[in-house]
Amino acid sequence: MTQTLRRFEVFCDKIAIQCKPYVPLLARFLIIATFYEDSLRLMNQWDDQIRFLKRFRGFPYTSAEIFLVANIITMSTASTLLLLKKHTASAALTLISVIFSQSIGYGILLDTSFIFRMLCVCGGLTLLLAEKAISESREFRNIQFGRMGLEKGSGTYFQLGGRVLYVFLFLSFLFGGDGELTTTRISVVACCFVACVAVAVGFKAKWSAAALTGIVVLANVVLNGWWTLHHSHPRRDLERYDFFQNLSIIGGLLLLGHVGPGELSVDENKKNF
């Protein structure tokens, strides 16, 4: 049994080596997918968004229009910069601020399902900061981050922060949906809990991230199949929004597998013994 697992691990490592050059770009694209989708949705549903903000959120005069325009421009610009690897630190921090400004503007800051998933998205963005910090430290002695007042070696702390934020993925599975604890849901939550804890502490981080990726991909296809719903179905937009959020979470997990857990992890400490 042990020999079979070893062969399987070697086989997976070979595939990983072949795919490694393409992982960072794919991960970046998936992380920003939800922001591109959100920008397009705001433009396509402009009248409905304005009506909601003014009628139910009390936005006065033209503040609703200004709020939407600012969000569309900010998300589109910052996402494009991240994809092009330009001003990564500023763009990632900008998107994190957009997440919280939208949650306040739409009054969903206390929506546990939403905020838990968005914290996971923040984990992906934090891992982008880690990737940039590690790259700058290796190649340019962290020049860009030095200008921002971040210390050399800060990539390790970004890796830790990104990993820890993925614990909220377990909470989103636990408290999301209709709240009914079926056997299937309990099984998924249990598997997600184990994988999230392993990712957070950095134990077998790459394998844990891969397992968590599989869980999210499966759950995303099964639970958020927005393409199967009619265009006028009331849940179509919500499931599409959740689907792209999960794509961003998957992107962060792929990036975690690429950059590794960092020095503050069980995996790294085991190397020192």
Protein backbone atom coordinates (compact mmCIF):
# COMPACT_ATOMS: atom_id res chain seq x y z
CA MET A 1 0.00 0.00 0.00
CA THR A 2 2.81 2.38 0.93
CA GLN A 3 4.65 1.60 -2.31
CA THR A 4 1.48 2.28 -4.34
CA LEU A 5 1.02 5.65 -2.65
CA ARG A 6 4.65 6.47 -3.30
CA ARG A 7 4.26 5.69 -7.01
CA PHE A 8 1.13 7.80 -7.16
CA GLU A 9 2.95 10.69 -5.48
CA VAL A 10 5.84 10.44 -7.97
CA PHE A 11 3.36 10.37 -10.86
CA CYS A 12 1.58 13.48 -9.53
CA ASP A 13 4.92 15.23 -9.03
CA LYS A 14 5.81 14.63 -12.69
CA ILE A 15 2.52 16.14 -13.82
CA ALA A 16 3.00 19.06 -11.42
CA ILE A 17 6.47 19.77 -12.83
CA GLN A 18 5.10 19.89 -16.38
CA CYS A 19 2.22 22.18 -15.38
CA LYS A 20 4.25 24.39 -13.03
CA PRO A 21 5.13 27.13 -15.59
CA TYR A 22 1.43 27.73 -16.30
CA VAL A 23 0.12 27.60 -12.72
CA PRO A 24 0.89 31.22 -11.66
CA LEU A 25 -0.93 32.75 -14.65
CA LEU A 26 -3.92 30.43 -14.25
CA ALA A 27 -4.05 31.12 -10.52
CA ARG A 28 -3.96 34.88 -11.07
CA PHE A 29 -6.73 34.71 -13.65
CA LEU A 30 -8.96 32.64 -11.38
CA ILE A 31 -8.33 34.90 -8.37
CA ILE A 32 -9.49 38.00 -10.26
CA ALA A 33 -12.34 36.20 -12.07
CA THR A 34 -14.94 37.25 -9.51
CA PHE A 35 -13.95 40.92 -9.83
CA TYR A 36 -14.26 40.90 -13.62
CA GLU A 37 -17.62 39.13 -13.34
CA ASP A 38 -18.81 41.62 -10.72
CA SER A 39 -17.82 44.56 -12.94
CA LEU A 40 -19.76 43.14 -15.90
CA ARG A 41 -22.76 42.37 -13.69
CA LEU A 42 -22.87 45.92 -12.33
CA MET A 43 -22.85 47.31 -15.88
CA ASN A 44 -25.46 44.87 -17.19
CA GLN A 45 -27.76 45.47 -14.22
CA TRP A 46 -27.10 49.18 -13.89
CA ASP A 47 -30.73 50.29 -13.41
CA ASP A 48 -31.51 47.53 -10.91
CA GLN A 49 -28.35 48.30 -8.92
CA ILE A 50 -29.13 52.02 -8.79
CA ARG A 51 -32.71 51.31 -7.72
CA PHE A 52 -31.58 48.99 -4.95
CA LEU A 53 -28.93 51.35 -3.57
CA LYS A 54 -31.27 54.34 -3.52
CA ARG A 55 -34.44 52.61 -2.34
CA PHE A 56 -33.12 50.07 0.12
CA ARG A 57 -29.69 51.41 1.11
CA GLY A 58 -30.58 55.10 1.22
CA PHE A 59 -27.91 56.40 -1.16
CA PRO A 60 -28.77 60.09 -1.77
CA TYR A 61 -28.74 61.93 -5.10
CA THR A 62 -25.97 60.75 -7.44
CA SER A 63 -23.95 58.91 -4.78
CA ALA A 64 -25.25 55.55 -6.02
CA GLU A 65 -23.99 56.24 -9.54
CA ILE A 66 -20.62 57.41 -8.19
CA PHE A 67 -20.36 54.30 -6.00
CA LEU A 68 -21.01 51.93 -8.91
CA VAL A 69 -18.70 53.73 -11.35
CA ALA A 70 -15.91 53.79 -8.76
CA ASN A 71 -16.32 50.07 -8.11
CA ILE A 72 -16.39 49.13 -11.79
CA ILE A 73 -13.30 51.17 -12.67
CA THR A 74 -11.38 50.10 -9.56
CA MET A 75 -12.11 46.38 -9.93
CA SER A 76 -11.39 46.31 -13.66
CA THR A 77 -8.17 48.31 -13.37
CA ALA A 78 -6.77 46.51 -10.33
CA SER A 79 -7.64 43.09 -11.76
CA THR A 80 -5.92 43.88 -15.05
CA LEU A 81 -2.81 45.08 -13.21
CA LEU A 82 -2.70 41.83 -11.24
CA LEU A 83 -3.03 39.78 -14.41
CA LEU A 84 -0.18 41.74 -16.00
CA LYS A 85 1.94 41.55 -12.81
CA LYS A 86 2.06 45.34 -12.58
CA HIS A 87 1.90 47.13 -9.20
CA THR A 88 0.82 43.83 -7.63
CA ALA A 89 0.92 45.02 -4.02
CA SER A 90 -1.15 48.15 -4.64
CA ALA A 91 -3.66 46.31 -6.87
CA ALA A 92 -4.17 43.45 -4.39
CA LEU A 93 -4.65 45.80 -1.45
CA THR A 94 -7.08 47.88 -3.54
CA LEU A 95 -9.23 44.83 -4.30
CA ILE A 96 -9.25 43.87 -0.62
CA SER A 97 -10.55 47.36 0.20
CA VAL A 98 -13.21 47.02 -2.52
CA ILE A 99 -14.47 43.82 -0.91
CA PHE A 100 -15.12 45.55 2.40
CA SER A 101 -16.49 48.75 0.86
CA GLN A 102 -19.03 46.71 -1.13
CA SER A 103 -20.03 44.68 1.92
CA ILE A 104 -20.76 47.93 3.75
CA GLY A 105 -22.44 49.60 0.77
CA TYR A 106 -24.78 46.66 0.12
CA GLY A 107 -25.36 45.96 3.80
CA ILE A 108 -24.04 42.40 3.73
CA LEU A 109 -21.17 42.78 6.18
CA LEU A 110 -23.03 40.54 8.66
CA ASP A 111 -23.99 37.94 6.06
CA THR A 112 -21.84 35.06 7.32
CA SER A 113 -21.90 33.02 4.09
CA PHE A 114 -20.81 36.03 2.02
CA ILE A 115 -18.17 37.36 4.37
CA PHE A 116 -16.57 33.93 4.93
CA ARG A 117 -16.16 33.35 1.19
CA MET A 118 -14.83 36.86 0.64
CA LEU A 119 -12.27 36.36 3.40
CA CYS A 120 -11.11 33.31 1.45
CA VAL A 121 -10.82 35.52 -1.65
CA CYS A 122 -8.75 37.90 0.50
CA GLY A 123 -6.57 34.89 1.31
CA GLY A 124 -5.87 34.45 -2.41
CA LEU A 125 -5.03 38.12 -2.77
CA THR A 126 -2.73 37.87 0.26
CA LEU A 127 -0.93 34.97 -1.39
CA LEU A 128 -0.39 37.21 -4.42
CA LEU A 129 1.35 39.62 -2.05
CA ALA A 130 3.42 36.70 -0.78
CA GLU A 131 4.39 35.66 -4.31
CA LYS A 132 5.43 39.22 -5.13
CA ALA A 133 7.39 39.65 -1.90
CA ILE A 134 9.25 36.37 -2.43
CA SER A 135 10.01 37.27 -6.05
CA GLU A 136 11.25 40.73 -5.15
CA SER A 137 13.33 39.36 -2.29
CA ARG A 138 15.01 36.82 -4.53
CA GLU A 139 15.57 38.92 -7.63
CA PHE A 140 15.61 42.56 -6.62
CA ARG A 141 16.25 42.44 -2.88
CA ASN A 142 12.69 43.49 -2.19
CA ILE A 143 13.10 46.97 -3.69
CA GLN A 144 9.41 47.59 -4.41
CA PHE A 145 8.23 46.38 -1.01
CA GLY A 146 10.95 48.39 0.65
CA ARG A 147 9.44 51.50 -0.89
CA MET A 148 6.07 50.54 0.58
CA GLY A 149 7.58 50.20 4.04
CA LEU A 150 7.38 46.40 4.16
CA GLU A 151 10.33 44.54 5.62
CA LYS A 152 12.38 42.02 3.75
CA GLY A 153 11.02 38.53 4.36
CA SER A 154 7.45 39.76 4.66
CA GLY A 155 6.44 37.12 2.10
CA THR A 156 6.56 34.52 4.89
CA TYR A 157 3.95 36.41 6.90
CA PHE A 158 1.77 36.92 3.83
CA GLN A 159 1.94 33.17 3.22
CA LEU A 160 0.86 32.52 6.80
CA GLY A 161 -1.97 35.07 6.57
CA GLY A 162 -3.20 33.67 3.28
CA ARG A 163 -3.23 30.13 4.66
CA VAL A 164 -5.06 31.07 7.83
CA LEU A 165 -7.78 32.92 5.89
CA TYR A 166 -8.68 29.65 4.17
CA VAL A 167 -10.08 28.38 7.47
CA PHE A 168 -13.10 30.53 6.64
CA LEU A 169 -13.78 28.24 3.69
CA PHE A 170 -14.76 25.55 6.18
CA LEU A 171 -17.05 28.01 7.95
CA SER A 172 -18.68 29.01 4.64
CA PHE A 173 -19.54 25.35 4.00
CA LEU A 174 -20.78 24.96 7.58
CA PHE A 175 -23.02 28.02 7.71
CA GLY A 176 -23.83 28.44 4.01
CA GLY A 177 -26.76 27.07 2.05
CA ASP A 178 -30.10 26.33 3.66
CA GLY A 179 -28.55 25.18 6.94
CA GLU A 180 -29.90 21.61 6.64
CA LEU A 181 -27.36 19.09 7.96
CA THR A 182 -27.67 16.19 5.55
CA THR A 183 -25.28 13.23 5.54
CA THR A 184 -23.65 14.50 2.35
CA ARG A 185 -23.17 17.98 3.75
CA ILE A 186 -21.72 16.68 7.02
CA SER A 187 -19.23 14.56 5.05
CA VAL A 188 -18.19 17.52 2.89
CA VAL A 189 -17.85 19.79 5.92
CA ALA A 190 -15.75 17.20 7.77
CA CYS A 191 -13.37 16.72 4.81
CA CYS A 192 -13.17 20.49 4.31
CA PHE A 193 -12.39 21.01 8.00
CA VAL A 194 -9.47 18.57 7.94
CA ALA A 195 -8.06 20.05 4.72
CA CYS A 196 -8.49 23.65 5.94
CA VAL A 197 -6.70 22.96 9.22
CA ALA A 198 -3.88 21.22 7.36
CA VAL A 199 -3.55 24.20 5.00
CA ALA A 200 -3.65 26.71 7.89
CA VAL A 201 -0.84 25.02 9.85
CA GLY A 202 1.10 24.18 6.70
CA PHE A 203 1.00 20.40 7.10
CA LYS A 204 1.43 18.62 3.74
CA ALA A 205 0.34 21.99 2.40
CA LYS A 206 0.52 21.21 -1.30
CA TRP A 207 -1.45 17.99 -0.95
CA SER A 208 -3.91 19.63 1.43
CA ALA A 209 -4.40 22.50 -1.00
CA ALA A 210 -4.93 20.01 -3.82
CA ALA A 211 -7.54 18.12 -1.77
CA LEU A 212 -9.29 21.36 -0.86
CA THR A 213 -9.24 22.41 -4.52
CA GLY A 214 -10.98 19.17 -5.44
CA ILE A 215 -13.65 19.72 -2.79
CA VAL A 216 -14.35 23.29 -3.92
CA VAL A 217 -14.42 22.35 -7.62
CA LEU A 218 -16.90 19.54 -6.96
CA ALA A 219 -19.07 21.68 -4.69
CA ASN A 220 -18.98 24.55 -7.18
CA VAL A 221 -20.21 22.43 -10.08
CA VAL A 222 -22.89 20.66 -8.02
CA LEU A 223 -24.20 23.60 -5.98
CA ASN A 224 -23.65 26.59 -8.29
CA GLY A 225 -24.69 25.36 -11.73
CA TRP A 226 -26.07 28.72 -12.81
CA TRP A 227 -25.82 27.76 -16.50
CA THR A 228 -28.58 25.19 -15.99
CA LEU A 229 -31.08 27.83 -14.81
CA HIS A 230 -33.32 29.90 -17.07
CA HIS A 231 -32.27 33.52 -17.68
CA SER A 232 -35.26 34.76 -15.70
CA HIS A 233 -34.73 32.40 -12.76
CA PRO A 234 -34.38 34.43 -9.51
CA ARG A 235 -31.40 32.39 -8.29
CA ARG A 236 -29.38 32.50 -11.53
CA ASP A 237 -27.43 35.69 -10.69
CA LEU A 238 -26.78 34.58 -7.11
CA GLU A 239 -25.46 31.17 -8.13
CA ARG A 240 -23.30 32.75 -10.84
CA TYR A 241 -21.86 35.17 -8.29
CA ASP A 242 -21.10 32.30 -5.88
CA PHE A 243 -19.59 30.28 -8.75
CA PHE A 244 -17.08 32.99 -9.65
CA GLN A 245 -16.26 33.61 -6.00
CA ASN A 246 -15.34 29.95 -5.68
CA LEU A 247 -13.19 30.21 -8.82
CA SER A 248 -11.21 32.93 -7.05
CA ILE A 249 -10.83 30.67 -4.01
CA ILE A 250 -9.59 27.86 -6.28
CA GLY A 251 -7.07 30.27 -7.81
CA GLY A 252 -5.72 31.07 -4.37
CA LEU A 253 -5.33 27.38 -3.57
CA LEU A 254 -3.43 26.82 -6.82
CA LEU A 255 -1.15 29.72 -5.93
CA LEU A 256 -0.59 28.25 -2.47
CA GLY A 257 0.55 25.02 -4.08
CA HIS A 258 2.93 27.03 -6.27
CA VAL A 259 4.54 29.33 -3.68
CA GLY A 260 4.46 26.78 -0.86
CA PRO A 261 3.46 27.21 2.81
CA GLY A 262 6.45 29.34 3.81
CA GLU A 263 8.81 29.17 6.76
CA LEU A 264 6.07 29.48 9.40
CA SER A 265 4.61 26.05 8.74
CA VAL A 266 4.79 22.46 9.94
CA ASP A 267 6.27 21.34 6.61
CA GLU A 268 9.15 23.81 6.86
CA ASN A 269 9.83 23.04 10.54
CA LYS A 270 10.06 19.33 9.77
CA LYS A 271 12.92 20.08 7.35
CA ASN A 272 14.92 21.61 10.19
CA PHE A 273 14.93 18.40 12.22
